[in-house]
Amino acid sequence: MLGTQYTHGSPCWIDLGSPDPAAAADFYGTALGWEYRPAGGPETGGYGFFHQDGATVAALGPLTEDGAQSAWTVYFRSTDAATTQMVTAAEGGRVRVRAMDVMDAGRMAALTDPGGAEFAVWEAGSVRGLDRTSSPGTLVWVELHTSDPEAALGFYGSLFDWRSATMEAPGMTYRVVSTARGDQETAAFGGVAELRGPGERSRWIPYFEVADVDATAEAVTGAGGTVLLPAADIPDVGRLAWFADPFGAEFAVLRPTPTG
């Protein structure tokens, strides 16, 4: 699962683009128990942070790209955002926002993989990444749904040197991905799965850990969200569910199976 010792290629940040940040902040406050705090003055562009007991666990801002729809964006750590941007373009991806400084916090670039899934990279400055992961109310896993998993693994491998291991899941072959360093199992942070439904688009889905998936489902629907996949138990994984917030941004929650 995710940690906060961020290395090249590991998920290190996540933010939500929303057409109504104030309403989105209220929704996630109810659904996941987060507190929203604006970043500051006008130079931040309406960006702010979700906190849990004072720790930053996600971020939120207005939609800034033409034609953008509300969605969560996963950021992967890069030792050099400009180089990752160039490799993305060379490998058939698209650069949506060129590498740029975010004050003294770091450098970011917004990219799209060849299958159409959007993501971003973060080159750390004063901000290394999220303060807390892999505990209730925080990011615990990220998952790519794509039409060609093997091609996707080749693309991201060229960017980040990810490793992968194949496992059989109900009705599908699942690829577990990990960073280049450390034990492959403990360095695993996400998975890659093939698109299953007609009209389904390639995208990254964040999973947030929760203590009670069913109670979270009730909170989501009570706050105006939608259940996309009802709560279900997955052997050796845990209990999970998929949702969309009131503006259509998809996310999932997971209560992991205890280990040890």
Protein backbone atom coordinates (compact mmCIF):
# COMPACT_ATOMS: atom_id res chain seq x y z
CA MET A 1 0.00 0.00 0.00
CA LEU A 2 0.98 3.63 -0.29
CA GLY A 3 3.50 5.22 2.01
CA THR A 4 4.89 8.73 2.34
CA GLN A 5 8.52 7.89 1.58
CA TYR A 6 8.00 9.11 -1.98
CA THR A 7 10.34 7.86 -4.71
CA HIS A 8 10.37 8.29 -8.49
CA GLY A 9 7.09 6.93 -9.86
CA SER A 10 5.15 6.65 -6.63
CA PRO A 11 1.78 8.40 -6.19
CA CYS A 12 2.51 11.44 -4.04
CA TRP A 13 -0.41 13.84 -4.45
CA ILE A 14 -4.03 13.89 -5.50
CA ASP A 15 -6.39 16.73 -6.26
CA LEU A 16 -9.94 17.24 -7.39
CA GLY A 17 -11.00 19.65 -10.12
CA SER A 18 -14.59 20.73 -9.56
CA PRO A 19 -17.01 23.23 -11.12
CA ASP A 20 -18.15 24.12 -7.58
CA PRO A 21 -15.29 23.75 -5.08
CA ALA A 22 -17.36 24.96 -2.13
CA ALA A 23 -20.05 22.35 -2.72
CA ALA A 24 -17.42 19.67 -3.34
CA ALA A 25 -15.71 20.55 -0.06
CA ASP A 26 -19.00 20.11 1.77
CA PHE A 27 -19.62 16.76 0.07
CA TYR A 28 -16.23 15.26 0.96
CA GLY A 29 -16.47 16.68 4.45
CA THR A 30 -19.64 14.62 4.91
CA ALA A 31 -18.52 11.55 2.96
CA LEU A 32 -14.94 11.19 4.24
CA GLY A 33 -14.78 13.49 7.25
CA TRP A 34 -12.31 15.93 5.71
CA GLU A 35 -11.85 19.59 6.61
CA TYR A 36 -11.21 22.00 3.74
CA ARG A 37 -8.80 24.93 4.06
CA PRO A 38 -8.14 27.47 1.26
CA ALA A 39 -4.48 27.80 0.31
CA GLY A 40 -4.38 31.57 0.62
CA GLY A 41 -4.37 34.64 -1.63
CA PRO A 42 -5.41 35.15 -5.26
CA GLU A 43 -2.12 33.76 -6.56
CA THR A 44 -3.32 30.26 -5.56
CA GLY A 45 -6.21 30.38 -8.04
CA GLY A 46 -8.85 29.12 -5.62
CA TYR A 47 -6.80 26.04 -4.72
CA GLY A 48 -7.01 24.56 -1.24
CA PHE A 49 -6.37 21.47 0.86
CA PHE A 50 -8.34 18.71 2.51
CA HIS A 51 -7.09 18.02 6.02
CA GLN A 52 -7.51 15.23 8.51
CA ASP A 53 -6.42 16.16 12.05
CA GLY A 54 -4.22 18.87 10.54
CA ALA A 55 -2.55 16.56 7.98
CA THR A 56 -2.96 17.21 4.26
CA VAL A 57 -4.66 14.21 2.62
CA ALA A 58 -5.88 15.67 -0.73
CA ALA A 59 -6.47 18.98 -2.50
CA LEU A 60 -9.24 20.77 -4.36
CA GLY A 61 -9.48 23.51 -6.96
CA PRO A 62 -11.64 24.88 -9.77
CA LEU A 63 -11.54 23.44 -13.28
CA THR A 64 -8.83 25.23 -15.24
CA GLU A 65 -8.54 23.39 -18.59
CA ASP A 66 -10.89 24.01 -21.52
CA GLY A 67 -13.57 21.33 -21.71
CA ALA A 68 -12.46 19.69 -18.46
CA GLN A 69 -14.90 17.60 -16.46
CA SER A 70 -14.83 17.14 -12.72
CA ALA A 71 -12.31 14.43 -11.85
CA TRP A 72 -9.62 13.37 -9.41
CA THR A 73 -6.04 13.64 -10.72
CA VAL A 74 -3.29 11.38 -9.43
CA TYR A 75 0.22 12.89 -9.29
CA PHE A 76 3.28 10.67 -9.53
CA ARG A 77 6.63 11.70 -8.10
CA SER A 78 9.22 12.66 -10.72
CA THR A 79 12.85 13.51 -10.18
CA ASP A 80 12.60 15.80 -13.22
CA ALA A 81 9.14 16.91 -14.41
CA ALA A 82 10.48 18.37 -17.67
CA THR A 83 12.18 15.09 -18.61
CA THR A 84 9.07 13.07 -17.75
CA GLN A 85 7.08 15.46 -19.91
CA MET A 86 9.43 14.91 -22.86
CA VAL A 87 9.33 11.11 -22.49
CA THR A 88 5.53 11.25 -22.35
CA ALA A 89 5.38 13.02 -25.71
CA ALA A 90 8.01 10.73 -27.23
CA GLU A 91 6.09 7.62 -26.14
CA GLY A 92 2.79 8.74 -27.68
CA GLY A 93 1.24 10.59 -24.75
CA ARG A 94 0.08 14.19 -24.64
CA VAL A 95 1.28 17.19 -22.65
CA ARG A 96 -1.73 19.18 -21.45
CA VAL A 97 0.13 21.58 -19.15
CA ARG A 98 3.87 21.99 -19.58
CA ALA A 99 6.18 21.66 -16.60
CA MET A 100 5.82 24.75 -14.45
CA ASP A 101 6.83 26.04 -11.04
CA VAL A 102 4.20 26.09 -8.30
CA MET A 103 5.74 28.85 -6.21
CA ASP A 104 8.41 27.20 -4.05
CA ALA A 105 6.33 24.04 -3.50
CA GLY A 106 7.68 22.23 -6.56
CA ARG A 107 7.15 21.71 -10.29
CA MET A 108 4.23 19.99 -11.96
CA ALA A 109 3.12 18.90 -15.42
CA ALA A 110 -0.32 17.66 -16.50
CA LEU A 111 -0.15 14.75 -18.96
CA THR A 112 -2.30 12.18 -20.75
CA ASP A 113 -1.19 8.63 -21.53
CA PRO A 114 -1.62 7.11 -25.02
CA GLY A 115 -4.83 5.39 -23.91
CA GLY A 116 -6.42 8.69 -22.88
CA ALA A 117 -6.02 8.50 -19.08
CA GLU A 118 -5.05 11.83 -17.51
CA PHE A 119 -2.42 12.10 -14.77
CA ALA A 120 0.17 14.55 -13.49
CA VAL A 121 3.72 14.51 -12.19
CA TRP A 122 5.24 16.32 -9.24
CA GLU A 123 8.87 17.34 -8.79
CA ALA A 124 9.16 18.18 -5.12
CA GLY A 125 10.33 21.50 -3.76
CA SER A 126 9.21 22.50 -0.28
CA VAL A 127 6.23 20.11 -0.57
CA ARG A 128 7.16 16.44 -0.87
CA GLY A 129 3.62 15.15 -1.10
CA LEU A 130 0.63 14.18 1.00
CA ASP A 131 1.21 14.13 4.74
CA ARG A 132 -0.70 10.92 5.39
CA THR A 133 -1.68 7.82 3.38
CA SER A 134 -2.92 4.24 3.93
CA SER A 135 -5.02 4.95 7.00
CA PRO A 136 -8.75 5.62 7.37
CA GLY A 137 -9.72 8.75 5.45
CA THR A 138 -6.62 8.84 3.23
CA LEU A 139 -5.43 7.66 -0.18
CA VAL A 140 -4.54 3.97 -0.10
CA TRP A 141 -4.46 2.71 -3.72
CA VAL A 142 -4.69 4.00 -7.31
CA GLU A 143 -6.03 2.02 -10.25
CA LEU A 144 -5.77 2.53 -14.01
CA HIS A 145 -8.62 1.30 -16.20
CA THR A 146 -7.50 1.14 -19.82
CA SER A 147 -8.24 -0.61 -23.12
CA ASP A 148 -4.72 -2.04 -23.41
CA PRO A 149 -3.11 -2.85 -20.04
CA GLU A 150 0.11 -4.21 -21.52
CA ALA A 151 0.66 -1.10 -23.64
CA ALA A 152 -0.09 1.07 -20.62
CA LEU A 153 2.47 -0.80 -18.52
CA GLY A 154 5.05 -0.28 -21.27
CA PHE A 155 4.31 3.45 -21.38
CA TYR A 156 4.47 4.03 -17.62
CA GLY A 157 7.49 1.74 -17.38
CA SER A 158 9.33 4.06 -19.76
CA LEU A 159 8.46 7.01 -17.51
CA PHE A 160 8.93 5.51 -14.06
CA ASP A 161 10.51 2.03 -14.35
CA TRP A 162 7.47 0.47 -12.69
CA ARG A 163 7.40 -3.26 -12.05
CA SER A 164 4.24 -5.36 -12.38
CA ALA A 165 2.91 -8.72 -11.26
CA THR A 166 -0.12 -10.45 -12.73
CA MET A 167 -2.86 -11.88 -10.56
CA GLU A 168 -6.17 -13.48 -11.48
CA ALA A 169 -9.25 -11.71 -10.16
CA PRO A 170 -12.93 -12.60 -10.66
CA GLY A 171 -13.59 -12.27 -14.40
CA MET A 172 -10.36 -10.44 -15.17
CA THR A 173 -6.57 -10.39 -15.16
CA TYR A 174 -5.24 -7.74 -12.81
CA ARG A 175 -1.75 -6.22 -12.90
CA VAL A 176 -0.35 -5.00 -9.59
CA VAL A 177 2.22 -2.23 -10.06
CA SER A 178 5.06 -1.16 -7.80
CA THR A 179 7.92 1.32 -7.85
CA ALA A 180 11.38 0.38 -9.06
CA ARG A 181 12.92 0.22 -5.60
CA GLY A 182 12.37 -2.05 -2.62
CA ASP A 183 10.51 -5.32 -2.17
CA GLN A 184 7.96 -5.60 -4.98
CA GLU A 185 5.07 -6.54 -2.71
CA THR A 186 5.63 -3.81 -0.14
CA ALA A 187 6.36 -1.24 -2.89
CA ALA A 188 3.02 -1.96 -4.62
CA PHE A 189 0.75 1.07 -4.78
CA GLY A 190 -1.84 0.34 -7.46
CA GLY A 191 -3.17 -1.78 -10.27
CA VAL A 192 -4.03 -1.84 -13.95
CA ALA A 193 -7.26 -3.38 -15.26
CA GLU A 194 -8.87 -3.67 -18.67
CA LEU A 195 -11.96 -1.64 -19.50
CA ARG A 196 -15.03 -3.83 -19.17
CA GLY A 197 -18.11 -1.79 -20.08
CA PRO A 198 -19.14 -0.27 -23.44
CA GLY A 199 -18.40 3.43 -23.57
CA GLU A 200 -16.12 3.22 -20.53
CA ARG A 201 -13.17 5.61 -20.78
CA SER A 202 -9.59 5.17 -19.68
CA ARG A 203 -8.92 6.87 -16.34
CA TRP A 204 -7.16 6.62 -12.99
CA ILE A 205 -9.40 5.87 -9.99
CA PRO A 206 -8.25 6.77 -6.46
CA TYR A 207 -9.15 4.53 -3.53
CA PHE A 208 -9.53 6.05 -0.07
CA GLU A 209 -9.33 3.83 2.97
CA VAL A 210 -12.38 3.82 5.25
CA ALA A 211 -13.27 1.96 8.42
CA ASP A 212 -16.80 1.10 7.25
CA VAL A 213 -17.58 0.89 3.53
CA ASP A 214 -21.34 0.54 4.02
CA ALA A 215 -21.57 3.55 6.32
CA THR A 216 -19.54 5.56 3.80
CA ALA A 217 -22.00 4.55 1.05
CA GLU A 218 -24.86 5.91 3.15
CA ALA A 219 -22.96 9.15 3.74
CA VAL A 220 -22.18 9.50 0.02
CA THR A 221 -25.77 9.08 -1.11
CA GLY A 222 -27.04 11.27 1.72
CA ALA A 223 -24.74 14.06 0.53
CA GLY A 224 -25.87 13.81 -3.09
CA GLY A 225 -23.37 11.32 -4.50
CA THR A 226 -24.05 8.18 -6.52
CA VAL A 227 -23.13 4.54 -5.93
CA LEU A 228 -21.48 3.15 -9.09
CA LEU A 229 -20.47 -0.22 -7.63
CA PRO A 230 -22.22 -1.40 -4.44
CA ALA A 231 -20.12 -2.56 -1.51
CA ALA A 232 -18.57 -5.97 -2.17
CA ASP A 233 -16.00 -8.22 -0.54
CA ILE A 234 -12.96 -9.13 -2.67
CA PRO A 235 -10.94 -12.11 -1.37
CA ASP A 236 -7.51 -11.16 -0.02
CA VAL A 237 -8.19 -7.50 -0.83
CA GLY A 238 -11.00 -6.22 1.38
CA ARG A 239 -14.42 -4.63 1.09
CA LEU A 240 -14.78 -1.88 -1.49
CA ALA A 241 -17.29 0.31 -3.32
CA TRP A 242 -17.21 2.86 -6.15
CA PHE A 243 -18.91 6.24 -6.12
CA ALA A 244 -19.35 9.46 -8.07
CA ASP A 245 -19.59 12.79 -6.28
CA PRO A 246 -22.44 15.23 -7.15
CA PHE A 247 -20.40 16.57 -10.09
CA GLY A 248 -19.45 13.20 -11.56
CA ALA A 249 -15.92 12.75 -10.21
CA GLU A 250 -15.34 9.03 -9.63
CA PHE A 251 -13.60 7.57 -6.60
CA ALA A 252 -13.56 4.36 -4.62
CA VAL A 253 -13.26 3.38 -0.98
CA LEU A 254 -11.61 0.33 0.54
CA ARG A 255 -11.47 -1.35 3.91
CA PRO A 256 -8.37 -3.53 3.41
CA THR A 257 -8.24 -7.10 4.60
CA PRO A 258 -6.06 -7.13 7.74
CA THR A 259 -2.56 -8.51 7.15
CA GLY A 260 -0.41 -10.54 9.43
